PDB file of N, CA and C in Angstrom:
ATOM      1  N   UNK A   1      20.544 -13.938  11.222  1.00  0.00           N
ATOM      2  CA  UNK A   1      21.907 -13.513  10.959  1.00  0.00           C
ATOM      3  C   UNK A   1      22.523 -12.840  12.185  1.00  0.00           C
ATOM      4  N   UNK A   2      21.741 -12.030  12.889  1.00  0.00           N
ATOM      5  CA  UNK A   2      22.268 -11.315  14.057  1.00  0.00           C
ATOM      6  C   UNK A   2      22.678 -12.303  15.149  1.00  0.00           C
ATOM      7  N   UNK A   3      21.850 -13.298  15.392  1.00  0.00           N
ATOM      8  CA  UNK A   3      22.169 -14.299  16.416  1.00  0.00           C
ATOM      9  C   UNK A   3      23.450 -15.059  16.051  1.00  0.00           C
ATOM     10  N   UNK A   4      23.583 -15.458  14.803  1.00  0.00           N
ATOM     11  CA  UNK A   4      24.776 -16.171  14.357  1.00  0.00           C
ATOM     12  C   UNK A   4      26.025 -15.298  14.473  1.00  0.00           C
ATOM     13  N   UNK A   5      25.892 -14.006  14.159  1.00  0.00           N
ATOM     14  CA  UNK A   5      27.025 -13.081  14.246  1.00  0.00           C
ATOM     15  C   UNK A   5      27.523 -12.961  15.689  1.00  0.00           C
ATOM     16  N   UNK A   6      26.603 -12.833  16.630  1.00  0.00           N
ATOM     17  CA  UNK A   6      26.991 -12.718  18.038  1.00  0.00           C
ATOM     18  C   UNK A   6      27.582 -14.035  18.532  1.00  0.00           C
ATOM     19  N   UNK A   7      26.986 -15.139  18.163  1.00  0.00           N
ATOM     20  CA  UNK A   7      27.492 -16.446  18.589  1.00  0.00           C
ATOM     21  C   UNK A   7      28.917 -16.685  18.089  1.00  0.00           C
ATOM     22  N   UNK A   8      29.247 -16.198  16.873  1.00  0.00           N
ATOM     23  CA  UNK A   8      30.610 -16.341  16.342  1.00  0.00           C
ATOM     24  C   UNK A   8      31.632 -15.601  17.198  1.00  0.00           C
ATOM     25  N   UNK A   9      31.222 -14.523  17.856  1.00  0.00           N
ATOM     26  CA  UNK A   9      32.148 -13.733  18.668  1.00  0.00           C
ATOM     27  C   UNK A   9      32.430 -14.369  20.029  1.00  0.00           C
ATOM     28  N   UNK A  10      31.614 -15.306  20.437  1.00  0.00           N
ATOM     29  CA  UNK A  10      31.789 -15.956  21.732  1.00  0.00           C
ATOM     30  C   UNK A  10      32.610 -17.224  21.567  1.00  0.00           C
ATOM     31  N   UNK A  11      33.492 -17.479  22.521  1.00  0.00           N
ATOM     32  CA  UNK A  11      34.368 -18.645  22.445  1.00  0.00           C
ATOM     33  C   UNK A  11      34.039 -19.588  23.598  1.00  0.00           C
ATOM     34  N   UNK A  12      33.894 -20.863  23.282  1.00  0.00           N
ATOM     35  CA  UNK A  12      33.681 -21.912  24.284  1.00  0.00           C
ATOM     36  C   UNK A  12      32.510 -21.609  25.217  1.00  0.00           C
ATOM     37  N   UNK A  13      31.326 -21.436  24.619  1.00  0.00           N
ATOM     38  CA  UNK A  13      30.136 -21.173  25.423  1.00  0.00           C
ATOM     39  C   UNK A  13      29.158 -22.332  25.289  1.00  0.00           C
ATOM     40  N   UNK A  14      28.325 -22.468  26.314  1.00  0.00           N
ATOM     41  CA  UNK A  14      27.253 -23.454  26.327  1.00  0.00           C
ATOM     42  C   UNK A  14      25.954 -22.742  26.654  1.00  0.00           C
ATOM     43  N   UNK A  15      24.853 -23.359  26.336  1.00  0.00           N
ATOM     44  CA  UNK A  15      23.524 -22.868  26.693  1.00  0.00           C
ATOM     45  C   UNK A  15      23.286 -21.439  26.226  1.00  0.00           C
ATOM     46  N   UNK A  16      23.669 -21.123  25.011  1.00  0.00           N
ATOM     47  CA  UNK A  16      23.451 -19.796  24.447  1.00  0.00           C
ATOM     48  C   UNK A  16      21.964 -19.597  24.197  1.00  0.00           C
ATOM     49  N   UNK A  17      21.428 -18.444  24.647  1.00  0.00           N
ATOM     50  CA  UNK A  17      20.007 -18.161  24.454  1.00  0.00           C
ATOM     51  C   UNK A  17      19.793 -16.665  24.279  1.00  0.00           C
ATOM     52  N   UNK A  18      18.897 -16.298  23.381  1.00  0.00           N
ATOM     53  CA  UNK A  18      18.481 -14.908  23.213  1.00  0.00           C
ATOM     54  C   UNK A  18      17.247 -14.708  24.083  1.00  0.00           C
ATOM     55  N   UNK A  19      17.339 -13.784  25.042  1.00  0.00           N
ATOM     56  CA  UNK A  19      16.240 -13.559  25.990  1.00  0.00           C
ATOM     57  C   UNK A  19      15.443 -12.299  25.675  1.00  0.00           C
ATOM     58  N   UNK A  20      15.958 -11.456  24.786  1.00  0.00           N
ATOM     59  CA  UNK A  20      15.257 -10.245  24.391  1.00  0.00           C
ATOM     60  C   UNK A  20      15.776  -9.765  23.054  1.00  0.00           C
ATOM     61  N   UNK A  21      14.940  -9.004  22.344  1.00  0.00           N
ATOM     62  CA  UNK A  21      15.299  -8.560  21.001  1.00  0.00           C
ATOM     63  C   UNK A  21      14.664  -7.200  20.735  1.00  0.00           C
ATOM     64  N   UNK A  22      15.420  -6.317  20.074  1.00  0.00           N
ATOM     65  CA  UNK A  22      14.900  -5.009  19.709  1.00  0.00           C
ATOM     66  C   UNK A  22      15.483  -4.609  18.360  1.00  0.00           C
ATOM     67  N   UNK A  23      14.668  -3.990  17.504  1.00  0.00           N
ATOM     68  CA  UNK A  23      15.120  -3.512  16.198  1.00  0.00           C
ATOM     69  C   UNK A  23      14.848  -2.015  16.103  1.00  0.00           C
ATOM     70  N   UNK A  24      15.864  -1.258  15.677  1.00  0.00           N
ATOM     71  CA  UNK A  24      15.735   0.188  15.519  1.00  0.00           C
ATOM     72  C   UNK A  24      16.388   0.622  14.220  1.00  0.00           C
ATOM     73  N   UNK A  25      15.915   1.733  13.681  1.00  0.00           N
ATOM     74  CA  UNK A  25      16.605   2.396  12.588  1.00  0.00           C
ATOM     75  C   UNK A  25      17.393   3.539  13.203  1.00  0.00           C
ATOM     76  N   UNK A  26      18.688   3.593  12.902  1.00  0.00           N
ATOM     77  CA  UNK A  26      19.576   4.562  13.526  1.00  0.00           C
ATOM     78  C   UNK A  26      20.123   5.499  12.443  1.00  0.00           C
ATOM     79  N   UNK A  27      20.046   6.791  12.684  1.00  0.00           N
ATOM     80  CA  UNK A  27      20.658   7.778  11.795  1.00  0.00           C
ATOM     81  C   UNK A  27      22.110   7.960  12.202  1.00  0.00           C
ATOM     82  N   UNK A  28      23.022   7.821  11.258  1.00  0.00           N
ATOM     83  CA  UNK A  28      24.457   7.900  11.518  1.00  0.00           C
ATOM     84  C   UNK A  28      25.008   9.194  10.906  1.00  0.00           C
ATOM     85  N   UNK A  29      25.638  10.001  11.725  1.00  0.00           N
ATOM     86  CA  UNK A  29      26.304  11.214  11.244  1.00  0.00           C
ATOM     87  C   UNK A  29      27.766  10.905  10.980  1.00  0.00           C
ATOM     88  N   UNK A  30      28.411  11.721  10.172  1.00  0.00           N
ATOM     89  CA  UNK A  30      29.849  11.562   9.972  1.00  0.00           C
ATOM     90  C   UNK A  30      30.192  10.885   8.667  1.00  0.00           C
ATOM     91  N   UNK A  31      31.237  10.060   8.687  1.00  0.00           N
ATOM     92  CA  UNK A  31      31.804   9.495   7.464  1.00  0.00           C
ATOM     93  C   UNK A  31      31.265   8.122   7.094  1.00  0.00           C
ATOM     94  N   UNK A  32      30.111   7.765   7.589  1.00  0.00           N
ATOM     95  CA  UNK A  32      29.549   6.451   7.283  1.00  0.00           C
ATOM     96  C   UNK A  32      29.029   6.413   5.846  1.00  0.00           C
ATOM     97  N   UNK A  33      29.183   5.264   5.186  1.00  0.00           N
ATOM     98  CA  UNK A  33      28.632   5.087   3.838  1.00  0.00           C
ATOM     99  C   UNK A  33      27.110   5.003   3.872  1.00  0.00           C
ATOM    100  N   UNK A  34      26.568   4.589   4.999  1.00  0.00           N
ATOM    101  CA  UNK A  34      25.126   4.433   5.143  1.00  0.00           C
ATOM    102  C   UNK A  34      24.636   5.392   6.216  1.00  0.00           C
ATOM    103  N   UNK A  35      23.815   6.364   5.845  1.00  0.00           N
ATOM    104  CA  UNK A  35      23.325   7.362   6.801  1.00  0.00           C
ATOM    105  C   UNK A  35      22.273   6.775   7.738  1.00  0.00           C
ATOM    106  N   UNK A  36      21.518   5.789   7.257  1.00  0.00           N
ATOM    107  CA  UNK A  36      20.556   5.086   8.106  1.00  0.00           C
ATOM    108  C   UNK A  36      20.956   3.622   8.147  1.00  0.00           C
ATOM    109  N   UNK A  37      21.018   3.088   9.348  1.00  0.00           N
ATOM    110  CA  UNK A  37      21.363   1.686   9.524  1.00  0.00           C
ATOM    111  C   UNK A  37      20.315   1.021  10.401  1.00  0.00           C
ATOM    112  N   UNK A  38      20.187  -0.277  10.255  1.00  0.00           N
ATOM    113  CA  UNK A  38      19.277  -1.051  11.099  1.00  0.00           C
ATOM    114  C   UNK A  38      20.100  -1.642  12.232  1.00  0.00           C
ATOM    115  N   UNK A  39      19.657  -1.410  13.457  1.00  0.00           N
ATOM    116  CA  UNK A  39      20.363  -1.920  14.636  1.00  0.00           C
ATOM    117  C   UNK A  39      19.511  -2.980  15.315  1.00  0.00           C
ATOM    118  N   UNK A  40      20.070  -4.180  15.445  1.00  0.00           N
ATOM    119  CA  UNK A  40      19.430  -5.247  16.206  1.00  0.00           C
ATOM    120  C   UNK A  40      20.156  -5.344  17.541  1.00  0.00           C
ATOM    121  N   UNK A  41      19.414  -5.307  18.619  1.00  0.00           N
ATOM    122  CA  UNK A  41      19.972  -5.457  19.951  1.00  0.00           C
ATOM    123  C   UNK A  41      19.408  -6.732  20.556  1.00  0.00           C
ATOM    124  N   UNK A  42      20.285  -7.638  20.937  1.00  0.00           N
ATOM    125  CA  UNK A  42      19.879  -8.917  21.503  1.00  0.00           C
ATOM    126  C   UNK A  42      20.356  -9.017  22.947  1.00  0.00           C
ATOM    127  N   UNK A  43      19.445  -9.309  23.856  1.00  0.00           N
ATOM    128  CA  UNK A  43      19.823  -9.657  25.225  1.00  0.00           C
ATOM    129  C   UNK A  43      20.137 -11.150  25.202  1.00  0.00           C
ATOM    130  N   UNK A  44      21.330 -11.516  25.653  1.00  0.00           N
ATOM    131  CA  UNK A  44      21.746 -12.909  25.564  1.00  0.00           C
ATOM    132  C   UNK A  44      22.221 -13.413  26.924  1.00  0.00           C
ATOM    133  N   UNK A  45      22.066 -14.714  27.111  1.00  0.00           N
ATOM    134  CA  UNK A  45      22.651 -15.392  28.264  1.00  0.00           C
ATOM    135  C   UNK A  45      23.387 -16.621  27.743  1.00  0.00           C
ATOM    136  N   UNK A  46      24.449 -16.974  28.442  1.00  0.00           N
ATOM    137  CA  UNK A  46      25.206 -18.164  28.080  1.00  0.00           C
ATOM    138  C   UNK A  46      26.044 -18.583  29.275  1.00  0.00           C
ATOM    139  N   UNK A  47      26.545 -19.805  29.220  1.00  0.00           N
ATOM    140  CA  UNK A  47      27.444 -20.321  30.248  1.00  0.00           C
ATOM    141  C   UNK A  47      28.843 -20.296  29.646  1.00  0.00           C
ATOM    142  N   UNK A  48      29.761 -19.567  30.309  1.00  0.00           N
ATOM    143  CA  UNK A  48      31.117 -19.448  29.769  1.00  0.00           C
ATOM    144  C   UNK A  48      31.954 -20.688  30.092  1.00  0.00           C
ATOM    145  N   UNK A  49      33.212 -20.665  29.689  1.00  0.00           N
ATOM    146  CA  UNK A  49      34.085 -21.830  29.859  1.00  0.00           C
ATOM    147  C   UNK A  49      34.371 -22.139  31.324  1.00  0.00           C
ATOM    148  N   UNK A  50      34.125 -21.182  32.217  1.00  0.00           N
ATOM    149  CA  UNK A  50      34.292 -21.412  33.656  1.00  0.00           C
ATOM    150  C   UNK A  50      33.002 -21.849  34.328  1.00  0.00           C
ATOM    151  N   UNK A  51      32.001 -22.162  33.523  1.00  0.00           N
ATOM    152  CA  UNK A  51      30.687 -22.616  33.997  1.00  0.00           C
ATOM    153  C   UNK A  51      29.937 -21.522  34.763  1.00  0.00           C
ATOM    154  N   UNK A  52      30.169 -20.260  34.374  1.00  0.00           N
ATOM    155  CA  UNK A  52      29.507 -19.112  34.995  1.00  0.00           C
ATOM    156  C   UNK A  52      28.474 -18.560  34.015  1.00  0.00           C
ATOM    157  N   UNK A  53      27.264 -18.310  34.500  1.00  0.00           N
ATOM    158  CA  UNK A  53      26.220 -17.732  33.658  1.00  0.00           C
ATOM    159  C   UNK A  53      26.537 -16.263  33.403  1.00  0.00           C
ATOM    160  N   UNK A  54      26.541 -15.888  32.146  1.00  0.00           N
ATOM    161  CA  UNK A  54      26.819 -14.511  31.729  1.00  0.00           C
ATOM    162  C   UNK A  54      25.566 -13.920  31.084  1.00  0.00           C
ATOM    163  N   UNK A  55      25.290 -12.661  31.385  1.00  0.00           N
ATOM    164  CA  UNK A  55      24.202 -11.925  30.741  1.00  0.00           C
ATOM    165  C   UNK A  55      24.824 -10.734  30.040  1.00  0.00           C
ATOM    166  N   UNK A  56      24.676 -10.685  28.736  1.00  0.00           N
ATOM    167  CA  UNK A  56      25.298  -9.635  27.921  1.00  0.00           C
ATOM    168  C   UNK A  56      24.285  -9.085  26.929  1.00  0.00           C
ATOM    169  N   UNK A  57      24.732  -8.071  26.198  1.00  0.00           N
ATOM    170  CA  UNK A  57      23.933  -7.467  25.141  1.00  0.00           C
ATOM    171  C   UNK A  57      24.757  -7.526  23.864  1.00  0.00           C
ATOM    172  N   UNK A  58      24.165  -8.028  22.804  1.00  0.00           N
ATOM    173  CA  UNK A  58      24.806  -8.051  21.494  1.00  0.00           C
ATOM    174  C   UNK A  58      24.152  -7.023  20.597  1.00  0.00           C
ATOM    175  N   UNK A  59      24.971  -6.220  19.930  1.00  0.00           N
ATOM    176  CA  UNK A  59      24.462  -5.191  19.028  1.00  0.00           C
ATOM    177  C   UNK A  59      25.024  -5.472  17.638  1.00  0.00           C
ATOM    178  N   UNK A  60      24.132  -5.580  16.663  1.00  0.00           N
ATOM    179  CA  UNK A  60      24.534  -5.861  15.288  1.00  0.00           C
ATOM    180  C   UNK A  60      23.947  -4.768  14.396  1.00  0.00           C
ATOM    181  N   UNK A  61      24.820  -4.132  13.603  1.00  0.00           N
ATOM    182  CA  UNK A  61      24.396  -3.082  12.684  1.00  0.00           C
ATOM    183  C   UNK A  61      24.340  -3.640  11.267  1.00  0.00           C
ATOM    184  N   UNK A  62      23.215  -3.369  10.588  1.00  0.00           N
ATOM    185  CA  UNK A  62      22.984  -3.839   9.226  1.00  0.00           C
ATOM    186  C   UNK A  62      22.866  -2.661   8.263  1.00  0.00           C
ATOM    187  N   UNK A  63      23.107  -2.930   6.987  1.00  0.00           N
ATOM    188  CA  UNK A  63      22.841  -1.941   5.939  1.00  0.00           C
ATOM    189  C   UNK A  63      21.341  -1.645   5.916  1.00  0.00           C
ATOM    190  N   UNK A  64      20.927  -0.534   5.295  1.00  0.00           N
ATOM    191  CA  UNK A  64      19.505  -0.171   5.290  1.00  0.00           C
ATOM    192  C   UNK A  64      18.570  -1.242   4.715  1.00  0.00           C
ATOM    193  N   UNK A  65      19.075  -2.071   3.814  1.00  0.00           N
ATOM    194  CA  UNK A  65      18.216  -3.126   3.257  1.00  0.00           C
ATOM    195  C   UNK A  65      18.187  -4.379   4.133  1.00  0.00           C
ATOM    196  N   UNK A  66      18.992  -4.412   5.196  1.00  0.00           N
ATOM    197  CA  UNK A  66      18.973  -5.516   6.142  1.00  0.00           C
ATOM    198  C   UNK A  66      19.651  -6.787   5.681  1.00  0.00           C
ATOM    199  N   UNK A  67      20.422  -6.724   4.606  1.00  0.00           N
ATOM    200  CA  UNK A  67      21.025  -7.947   4.072  1.00  0.00           C
ATOM    201  C   UNK A  67      22.499  -8.127   4.406  1.00  0.00           C
ATOM    202  N   UNK A  68      23.180  -7.054   4.832  1.00  0.00           N
ATOM    203  CA  UNK A  68      24.617  -7.121   5.077  1.00  0.00           C
ATOM    204  C   UNK A  68      24.940  -6.556   6.459  1.00  0.00           C
ATOM    205  N   UNK A  69      25.780  -7.274   7.186  1.00  0.00           N
ATOM    206  CA  UNK A  69      26.211  -6.819   8.501  1.00  0.00           C
ATOM    207  C   UNK A  69      27.359  -5.828   8.331  1.00  0.00           C
ATOM    208  N   UNK A  70      27.233  -4.657   8.977  1.00  0.00           N
ATOM    209  CA  UNK A  70      28.271  -3.642   8.931  1.00  0.00           C
ATOM    210  C   UNK A  70      29.274  -3.877  10.073  1.00  0.00           C
ATOM    211  N   UNK A  71      28.770  -4.071  11.295  1.00  0.00           N
ATOM    212  CA  UNK A  71      29.627  -4.385  12.431  1.00  0.00           C
ATOM    213  C   UNK A  71      28.782  -4.966  13.557  1.00  0.00           C
ATOM    214  N   UNK A  72      29.476  -5.471  14.567  1.00  0.00           N
ATOM    215  CA  UNK A  72      28.778  -6.056  15.711  1.00  0.00           C
ATOM    216  C   UNK A  72      29.669  -5.972  16.936  1.00  0.00           C
ATOM    217  N   UNK A  73      29.024  -6.007  18.108  1.00  0.00           N
ATOM    218  CA  UNK A  73      29.791  -5.993  19.350  1.00  0.00           C
ATOM    219  C   UNK A  73      28.961  -6.623  20.461  1.00  0.00           C
ATOM    220  N   UNK A  74      29.657  -7.027  21.516  1.00  0.00           N
ATOM    221  CA  UNK A  74      29.017  -7.568  22.712  1.00  0.00           C
ATOM    222  C   UNK A  74      29.396  -6.656  23.868  1.00  0.00           C
ATOM    223  N   UNK A  75      28.399  -6.240  24.643  1.00  0.00           N
ATOM    224  CA  UNK A  75      28.643  -5.348  25.776  1.00  0.00           C
ATOM    225  C   UNK A  75      27.989  -5.912  27.018  1.00  0.00           C
ATOM    226  N   UNK A  76      28.380  -5.361  28.172  1.00  0.00           N
ATOM    227  CA  UNK A  76      27.691  -5.701  29.394  1.00  0.00           C
ATOM    228  C   UNK A  76      26.311  -5.069  29.359  1.00  0.00           C
ATOM    229  N   UNK A  77      25.377  -5.658  30.091  1.00  0.00           N
ATOM    230  CA  UNK A  77      24.012  -5.109  30.076  1.00  0.00           C
ATOM    231  C   UNK A  77      23.890  -3.881  30.833  1.00  0.00           C
TER     232      UNK A  77
END
């Protein structure tokens, strides 16, 4: 699910690949409905529409049971 979520955020990419993966349980303070969330961090590479190889990090947050995605983002490494 995490890989599909990150791939949906990318537009016109080729050669998408996950090169690293990490799973953590994160304690969330504040107004979150879920105090503990599961965070998947994926190191990804892909070729963008300009034929340039990109290396990014995708972060996907899940509910504590791991069945529902709360949010996701792509950042520079």
